N, C-alpha and C. Protein backbone atom coordinates (compact mmCIF):
# COMPACT_ATOMS: atom_id res chain seq x y z
N MET A 1 18.68 46.11 -24.46
CA MET A 1 17.33 44.57 -24.03
C MET A 1 16.19 45.87 -23.69
N ILE A 2 15.32 45.16 -23.99
CA ILE A 2 14.00 45.36 -23.80
C ILE A 2 13.70 44.00 -22.50
N THR A 3 13.07 45.17 -21.59
CA THR A 3 12.20 44.01 -20.53
C THR A 3 11.44 44.56 -20.16
N LEU A 4 10.30 43.45 -19.96
CA LEU A 4 8.65 43.97 -20.14
C LEU A 4 8.56 42.90 -18.14
N ASN A 5 6.94 43.95 -17.56
CA ASN A 5 7.18 42.99 -16.45
C ASN A 5 5.45 43.08 -17.08
N PHE A 6 5.53 41.22 -16.65
CA PHE A 6 4.36 40.62 -17.13
C PHE A 6 4.16 40.79 -15.33
N TYR A 7 2.33 41.02 -14.69
CA TYR A 7 2.25 39.98 -13.62
C TYR A 7 -0.25 38.94 -14.02
N THR A 8 0.47 38.30 -12.70
CA THR A 8 -0.68 36.98 -12.44
C THR A 8 -1.68 38.24 -12.76
N ILE A 9 -3.07 38.21 -12.08
CA ILE A 9 -4.43 38.48 -11.94
C ILE A 9 -4.21 38.76 -9.99
N ASN A 10 -3.41 37.49 -9.70
CA ASN A 10 -3.62 37.45 -8.11
C ASN A 10 -2.41 37.93 -7.91
N GLU A 11 -1.22 38.94 -8.13
CA GLU A 11 0.03 39.91 -8.19
C GLU A 11 -0.35 41.28 -8.26
N ARG A 12 -1.13 41.28 -9.64
CA ARG A 12 -1.89 42.51 -9.91
C ARG A 12 -3.06 41.86 -11.14
N ARG A 13 -4.15 43.28 -10.12
CA ARG A 13 -5.06 43.00 -10.99
C ARG A 13 -5.78 43.94 -11.81
N PRO A 14 -5.72 43.65 -13.27
CA PRO A 14 -6.25 45.10 -14.09
C PRO A 14 -7.57 45.84 -13.70
N LYS A 15 -7.87 46.73 -14.29
CA LYS A 15 -9.38 47.27 -14.18
C LYS A 15 -10.25 46.83 -15.14
N HIS A 16 -11.55 46.90 -14.57
CA HIS A 16 -12.80 46.56 -16.22
C HIS A 16 -12.46 47.69 -16.75
N GLY A 17 -12.35 47.21 -18.47
CA GLY A 17 -12.55 48.34 -19.46
C GLY A 17 -10.12 48.47 -19.76
N GLN A 18 -9.85 47.84 -19.15
CA GLN A 18 -8.33 48.49 -19.12
C GLN A 18 -8.44 47.52 -20.31
N GLN A 19 -7.21 48.23 -20.85
CA GLN A 19 -6.77 46.99 -21.90
C GLN A 19 -5.07 46.57 -21.74
N VAL A 20 -5.21 45.37 -22.16
CA VAL A 20 -3.68 45.21 -21.50
C VAL A 20 -3.36 44.01 -22.39
N ALA A 21 -1.70 43.29 -22.38
CA ALA A 21 -1.38 43.27 -23.30
C ALA A 21 -1.07 41.99 -22.48
N TYR A 22 -1.34 40.14 -23.44
CA TYR A 22 -1.14 39.05 -22.32
C TYR A 22 -1.13 37.69 -22.70
N LEU A 23 0.22 37.12 -22.11
CA LEU A 23 0.76 35.83 -22.96
C LEU A 23 -0.33 34.70 -22.90
N ARG A 24 -1.05 34.43 -24.02
CA ARG A 24 -1.71 33.35 -24.19
C ARG A 24 -0.54 31.63 -24.91
N ARG A 25 -1.58 31.07 -23.73
CA ARG A 25 -0.83 29.94 -24.00
C ARG A 25 -1.14 29.03 -24.74
N SER A 26 -0.48 28.43 -25.67
CA SER A 26 -0.43 27.33 -27.14
C SER A 26 0.38 26.43 -26.71
N HIS A 27 -1.09 25.16 -26.73
CA HIS A 27 0.17 23.58 -26.83
C HIS A 27 -0.38 23.35 -28.84
N SER A 28 1.58 22.37 -28.26
CA SER A 28 1.77 21.98 -29.75
C SER A 28 2.23 20.87 -29.76
N PHE A 29 1.69 20.15 -30.02
CA PHE A 29 3.00 18.69 -30.55
C PHE A 29 4.32 18.41 -29.23
N GLY A 30 3.04 18.11 -27.80
CA GLY A 30 4.46 18.20 -27.05
C GLY A 30 4.93 19.18 -26.21
N SER A 31 4.57 20.85 -26.80
CA SER A 31 5.70 22.23 -26.26
C SER A 31 4.10 22.68 -25.88
N VAL A 32 5.20 24.10 -25.15
CA VAL A 32 3.82 24.95 -24.36
C VAL A 32 4.85 26.45 -24.77
N ASP A 33 4.38 27.07 -26.27
CA ASP A 33 4.33 28.17 -26.63
C ASP A 33 3.54 29.07 -25.69
N PHE A 34 4.17 30.64 -25.90
CA PHE A 34 3.19 31.42 -25.37
C PHE A 34 3.12 32.52 -26.04
N ARG A 35 2.57 33.30 -26.56
CA ARG A 35 2.30 34.60 -27.86
C ARG A 35 2.01 36.18 -26.84
N PRO A 36 2.36 36.51 -27.59
CA PRO A 36 1.59 38.38 -26.42
C PRO A 36 0.58 38.64 -27.81
N GLU A 37 -0.29 39.02 -26.97
CA GLU A 37 -1.74 39.43 -27.66
C GLU A 37 -1.91 40.59 -26.82
N GLU A 38 -3.30 41.70 -28.00
CA GLU A 38 -3.64 42.54 -26.37
C GLU A 38 -5.24 42.26 -26.93
N ALA A 39 -5.68 42.79 -25.63
CA ALA A 39 -7.52 42.05 -25.74
C ALA A 39 -8.36 43.19 -24.45
N GLU A 40 -9.45 43.09 -24.54
CA GLU A 40 -9.95 44.37 -23.24
C GLU A 40 -10.20 43.28 -22.23
N ALA A 41 -9.36 43.49 -21.10
CA ALA A 41 -9.62 43.39 -19.49
C ALA A 41 -11.08 43.41 -19.15
N GLU A 42 -12.51 42.21 -19.10
CA GLU A 42 -13.90 42.45 -19.17
C GLU A 42 -13.81 41.65 -18.19
N TYR A 43 -14.77 42.59 -16.67
CA TYR A 43 -15.12 41.50 -15.35
C TYR A 43 -16.75 41.11 -15.86
N CYS A 44 -17.05 39.92 -16.18
CA CYS A 44 -17.97 39.42 -15.64
C CYS A 44 -19.13 38.69 -14.49
N TRP A 45 -19.61 38.57 -14.08
CA TRP A 45 -20.54 37.34 -13.28
C TRP A 45 -20.64 36.30 -14.30
N PHE A 46 -20.56 34.74 -13.37
CA PHE A 46 -20.47 33.73 -13.62
C PHE A 46 -21.76 32.62 -12.37
N GLU A 47 -22.30 32.60 -12.55
CA GLU A 47 -23.76 31.09 -11.88
C GLU A 47 -22.93 30.57 -11.75
N TYR A 48 -22.75 29.84 -10.08
CA TYR A 48 -22.04 28.40 -10.15
C TYR A 48 -23.21 28.15 -9.18
N ASP A 49 -22.81 26.23 -9.58
CA ASP A 49 -24.46 25.65 -8.22
C ASP A 49 -23.39 24.74 -7.54
N ASP A 50 -23.95 23.57 -7.39
CA ASP A 50 -23.38 22.50 -6.79
C ASP A 50 -22.32 21.18 -7.09
N ILE A 51 -22.86 21.57 -8.87
CA ILE A 51 -22.32 21.26 -10.38
C ILE A 51 -20.72 21.87 -10.71
N GLY A 52 -21.11 23.07 -10.76
CA GLY A 52 -20.36 23.60 -11.35
C GLY A 52 -20.83 24.59 -12.02
N PHE A 53 -20.37 25.39 -13.31
CA PHE A 53 -20.52 26.53 -13.43
C PHE A 53 -22.26 26.23 -14.43
N THR A 54 -23.15 27.03 -14.05
CA THR A 54 -24.47 26.69 -14.46
C THR A 54 -24.98 27.42 -16.39
N GLY A 55 -24.15 27.83 -16.83
CA GLY A 55 -24.15 28.44 -18.51
C GLY A 55 -24.27 30.18 -17.72
N LEU A 56 -25.49 30.49 -16.96
CA LEU A 56 -25.86 31.76 -16.45
C LEU A 56 -24.53 32.58 -16.62
N GLN A 57 -24.18 33.99 -17.23
CA GLN A 57 -23.21 35.36 -17.30
C GLN A 57 -24.33 36.12 -16.89
N VAL A 58 -23.98 37.24 -16.10
CA VAL A 58 -24.49 38.30 -16.00
C VAL A 58 -23.59 39.78 -16.11
N VAL A 59 -24.16 40.70 -16.49
CA VAL A 59 -23.05 42.01 -17.14
C VAL A 59 -22.71 42.04 -15.82
N TYR A 60 -21.13 42.91 -15.55
CA TYR A 60 -20.67 43.55 -14.60
C TYR A 60 -20.99 45.19 -15.47
N GLU A 61 -21.62 45.54 -13.70
CA GLU A 61 -21.70 47.32 -13.52
C GLU A 61 -20.83 47.45 -12.34
N GLU A 62 -19.64 47.97 -12.43
CA GLU A 62 -18.61 48.76 -10.83
C GLU A 62 -20.04 49.43 -10.03
N GLY A 63 -19.63 48.38 -8.92
CA GLY A 63 -20.35 49.00 -8.25
C GLY A 63 -21.57 47.68 -7.21
N GLN A 64 -22.47 47.25 -8.70
CA GLN A 64 -23.15 46.50 -7.75
C GLN A 64 -23.09 45.10 -7.35
N GLU A 65 -23.93 45.07 -6.40
CA GLU A 65 -23.75 43.97 -5.33
C GLU A 65 -23.68 42.44 -6.93
N PRO A 66 -23.32 41.74 -6.00
CA PRO A 66 -22.95 40.48 -6.49
C PRO A 66 -24.33 39.02 -7.13
N PRO A 67 -24.22 39.52 -8.12
CA PRO A 67 -25.91 37.93 -8.17
C PRO A 67 -25.42 37.29 -7.26
N PRO A 68 -26.94 36.57 -6.94
CA PRO A 68 -26.65 35.50 -5.95
C PRO A 68 -26.12 34.22 -6.77
N ASN A 69 -25.21 33.62 -5.97
CA ASN A 69 -24.80 32.39 -6.09
C ASN A 69 -23.60 32.68 -7.54
N CYS A 70 -23.01 33.88 -8.17
CA CYS A 70 -22.14 34.56 -9.08
C CYS A 70 -20.24 34.43 -8.40
N ARG A 71 -20.23 34.49 -9.14
CA ARG A 71 -18.42 34.48 -9.39
C ARG A 71 -18.26 35.61 -10.44
N LEU A 72 -17.31 36.28 -8.83
CA LEU A 72 -17.21 36.94 -10.87
C LEU A 72 -15.78 36.49 -11.91
N GLU A 73 -14.92 36.86 -12.53
CA GLU A 73 -14.52 36.02 -13.40
C GLU A 73 -14.01 37.17 -14.55
N ILE A 74 -12.35 37.53 -14.59
CA ILE A 74 -12.06 38.73 -15.62
C ILE A 74 -11.67 37.85 -16.90
N MET A 75 -12.30 38.12 -18.50
CA MET A 75 -11.76 37.73 -19.28
C MET A 75 -11.36 38.60 -20.33
N PHE A 76 -10.14 38.11 -20.43
CA PHE A 76 -9.22 38.80 -22.10
C PHE A 76 -10.09 37.62 -23.57
N GLY A 77 -10.33 38.87 -23.87
CA GLY A 77 -11.19 38.60 -24.99
C GLY A 77 -12.10 37.87 -24.75
N HIS A 78 -12.56 36.66 -25.38
CA HIS A 78 -13.53 35.78 -24.64
C HIS A 78 -12.86 34.56 -24.29
N GLU A 79 -11.71 34.39 -24.07
CA GLU A 79 -11.37 33.71 -22.34
C GLU A 79 -11.36 34.25 -21.50
N VAL A 80 -11.94 33.21 -19.67
CA VAL A 80 -11.82 33.80 -18.54
C VAL A 80 -10.55 33.22 -18.30
N VAL A 81 -10.10 34.20 -17.83
CA VAL A 81 -8.44 34.18 -17.27
C VAL A 81 -8.11 32.73 -16.30
N ASP A 82 -7.61 32.54 -15.71
CA ASP A 82 -6.45 32.37 -14.87
C ASP A 82 -6.05 32.61 -14.07
N ALA A 83 -5.99 33.26 -12.86
CA ALA A 83 -5.51 34.32 -11.62
C ALA A 83 -3.94 33.44 -11.55
N GLU A 84 -3.96 32.79 -12.50
CA GLU A 84 -2.71 31.85 -11.67
C GLU A 84 -1.58 31.47 -13.28
N ASN A 85 -2.22 31.67 -14.29
CA ASN A 85 -2.06 31.02 -15.24
C ASN A 85 -2.19 31.50 -16.58
N TYR A 86 -2.32 32.89 -16.32
CA TYR A 86 -2.33 34.10 -17.75
C TYR A 86 -1.17 34.91 -16.72
N TRP A 87 -0.70 35.72 -18.21
CA TRP A 87 0.30 36.84 -16.85
C TRP A 87 -0.39 38.10 -17.98
N TRP A 88 0.21 38.95 -17.96
CA TRP A 88 -0.64 40.20 -18.48
C TRP A 88 -0.02 41.87 -17.73
N CYS A 89 -0.09 42.86 -19.15
CA CYS A 89 0.70 43.87 -18.53
C CYS A 89 -0.15 45.04 -18.70
N PRO A 90 -0.30 46.60 -18.60
CA PRO A 90 -0.98 47.18 -19.14
C PRO A 90 -0.87 47.35 -20.66
N ALA A 91 -1.44 47.19 -21.70
CA ALA A 91 -0.88 47.77 -22.91
C ALA A 91 -0.51 48.91 -22.88
N GLU A 92 -0.83 50.34 -22.26
CA GLU A 92 0.42 50.91 -22.91
C GLU A 92 2.19 50.80 -22.84
N GLU A 93 2.27 50.49 -21.24
CA GLU A 93 3.29 49.77 -20.80
C GLU A 93 4.11 48.48 -21.93
N TYR A 94 3.02 47.91 -22.58
CA TYR A 94 3.30 46.51 -23.44
C TYR A 94 4.27 47.46 -24.11
N ASP A 95 4.20 48.21 -25.31
CA ASP A 95 4.20 48.92 -26.59
C ASP A 95 5.02 50.07 -26.20
N ALA A 96 5.15 50.64 -25.11
CA ALA A 96 6.20 51.63 -24.99
C ALA A 96 7.47 51.08 -24.83
N SER A 97 7.53 49.98 -24.13
CA SER A 97 8.70 48.99 -24.52
C SER A 97 8.92 48.58 -25.63
N PHE A 98 8.74 49.18 -26.99
CA PHE A 98 9.87 48.38 -27.91
C PHE A 98 10.10 49.66 -28.21
N PRO A 99 11.02 49.55 -28.92
CA PRO A 99 12.00 51.22 -29.64
C PRO A 99 11.33 51.45 -30.82
N ASP A 100 10.78 52.96 -31.11
CA ASP A 100 9.89 53.39 -32.56
C ASP A 100 11.20 52.30 -33.79
């Protein structure tokens, strides 16, 4: 038996630059599937105004003050992660869970 522990961002936050395995949601013909993928967790600042996202992204640097009107988001690959609907685990834990 193989047991894998996945977390939401709200349960456990990956570190910036950490390799992760995550379950990517896909929709097809009325069903929802999840497939595992590996990516690097990247933090990025996104600017918002009264209407929503302005289109401005600012590179994250550890320890920096938040840019004005920006919110810190986490990305896996090129996808912004929804804190409740993406499940992830450290890539090394994922890889170590499978027998040789």
